[in-house]
Amino acid sequence: MRGRRLECPPPMSGLRKGDAWSGMGIGWAITSTLVGGIVTVGGLGYLIDRIFDTGSGFTALGIVLGAACAIYIVYLRYGRGGE
């Protein structure tokens, strides 16, 4: 065991520019991030509205904040250009 090096498997082939489906994974990741942020923070706002009987103000605020946070996360992950 001593002196032996672990070998990494070969890297994946990556995206092929001619493939029409090459960006689908990124598209679904962005879509699910946006929907997940809106549903999660909007759901927390809905729970606050139900617990404190405040109408629908926190639900609306949660949806807007969830969308804003999700857009920021998508920007950080995919939109900053080459690094």
Protein backbone atom coordinates (compact mmCIF):
# COMPACT_ATOMS: atom_id res chain seq x y z
CA MET A 1 0.00 0.00 0.00
CA ARG A 2 2.83 2.34 0.72
CA GLY A 3 4.13 4.23 -2.29
CA ARG A 4 1.01 3.68 -4.37
CA ARG A 5 -0.84 6.75 -5.60
CA LEU A 6 -4.55 6.96 -6.01
CA GLU A 7 -5.50 7.55 -9.59
CA CYS A 8 -8.40 9.81 -10.48
CA PRO A 9 -10.85 8.65 -13.09
CA PRO A 10 -10.70 10.47 -16.41
CA PRO A 11 -12.71 13.70 -16.56
CA MET A 12 -16.15 13.68 -18.09
CA SER A 13 -16.35 14.61 -21.73
CA GLY A 14 -17.96 18.00 -20.98
CA LEU A 15 -20.47 19.88 -23.07
CA ARG A 16 -20.60 19.38 -26.79
CA LYS A 17 -21.41 22.55 -28.67
CA GLY A 18 -23.34 20.74 -31.39
CA ASP A 19 -25.61 18.98 -28.92
CA ALA A 20 -29.02 20.64 -28.66
CA TRP A 21 -29.51 19.34 -25.10
CA SER A 22 -26.17 20.51 -23.70
CA GLY A 23 -27.60 23.38 -21.63
CA MET A 24 -30.68 21.63 -20.27
CA GLY A 25 -29.07 20.76 -16.95
CA ILE A 26 -28.11 24.35 -16.28
CA GLY A 27 -31.55 25.55 -17.36
CA TRP A 28 -33.30 23.18 -14.99
CA ALA A 29 -30.93 24.09 -12.17
CA ILE A 30 -31.71 27.79 -12.62
CA THR A 31 -35.45 27.12 -12.86
CA SER A 32 -35.51 24.95 -9.74
CA THR A 33 -33.47 27.51 -7.80
CA LEU A 34 -35.92 30.29 -8.68
CA VAL A 35 -39.01 28.20 -7.93
CA GLY A 36 -37.48 26.80 -4.74
CA GLY A 37 -36.63 30.25 -3.40
CA ILE A 38 -40.11 31.59 -4.09
CA VAL A 39 -41.87 28.57 -2.61
CA THR A 40 -39.64 28.32 0.47
CA VAL A 41 -39.62 31.95 1.57
CA GLY A 42 -43.20 32.49 0.39
CA GLY A 43 -44.21 29.45 2.43
CA LEU A 44 -42.54 30.89 5.51
CA GLY A 45 -44.46 34.12 4.95
CA TYR A 46 -47.67 32.12 4.61
CA LEU A 47 -46.98 30.35 7.92
CA ILE A 48 -46.35 33.68 9.64
CA ASP A 49 -49.62 35.00 8.22
CA ARG A 50 -51.51 31.95 9.50
CA ILE A 51 -49.91 31.98 12.94
CA PHE A 52 -50.38 35.69 13.60
CA ASP A 53 -53.55 36.17 11.49
CA THR A 54 -52.10 39.11 9.55
CA GLY A 55 -53.90 38.75 6.23
CA SER A 56 -51.56 38.08 3.33
CA GLY A 57 -48.85 40.69 3.81
CA PHE A 58 -46.09 38.34 4.87
CA THR A 59 -46.93 35.92 2.08
CA ALA A 60 -46.46 38.64 -0.53
CA LEU A 61 -43.29 39.86 1.17
CA GLY A 62 -41.97 36.29 1.33
CA ILE A 63 -42.61 35.72 -2.38
CA VAL A 64 -40.79 38.93 -3.33
CA LEU A 65 -37.86 38.27 -0.98
CA GLY A 66 -37.67 34.65 -2.12
CA ALA A 67 -37.51 35.71 -5.75
CA ALA A 68 -34.86 38.34 -5.01
CA CYS A 69 -32.71 35.90 -3.05
CA ALA A 70 -33.08 33.21 -5.72
CA ILE A 71 -32.07 35.63 -8.47
CA TYR A 72 -29.01 36.62 -6.44
CA ILE A 73 -28.06 32.96 -5.93
CA VAL A 74 -28.42 32.29 -9.66
CA TYR A 75 -26.25 35.32 -10.38
CA LEU A 76 -23.56 34.11 -7.98
CA ARG A 77 -23.59 30.61 -9.38
CA TYR A 78 -23.97 31.20 -13.12
CA GLY A 79 -23.84 34.87 -14.01
CA ARG A 80 -20.47 36.25 -12.97
CA GLY A 81 -18.67 35.30 -16.14
CA GLY A 82 -15.36 33.48 -16.27
CA GLU A 83 -13.34 33.16 -13.12
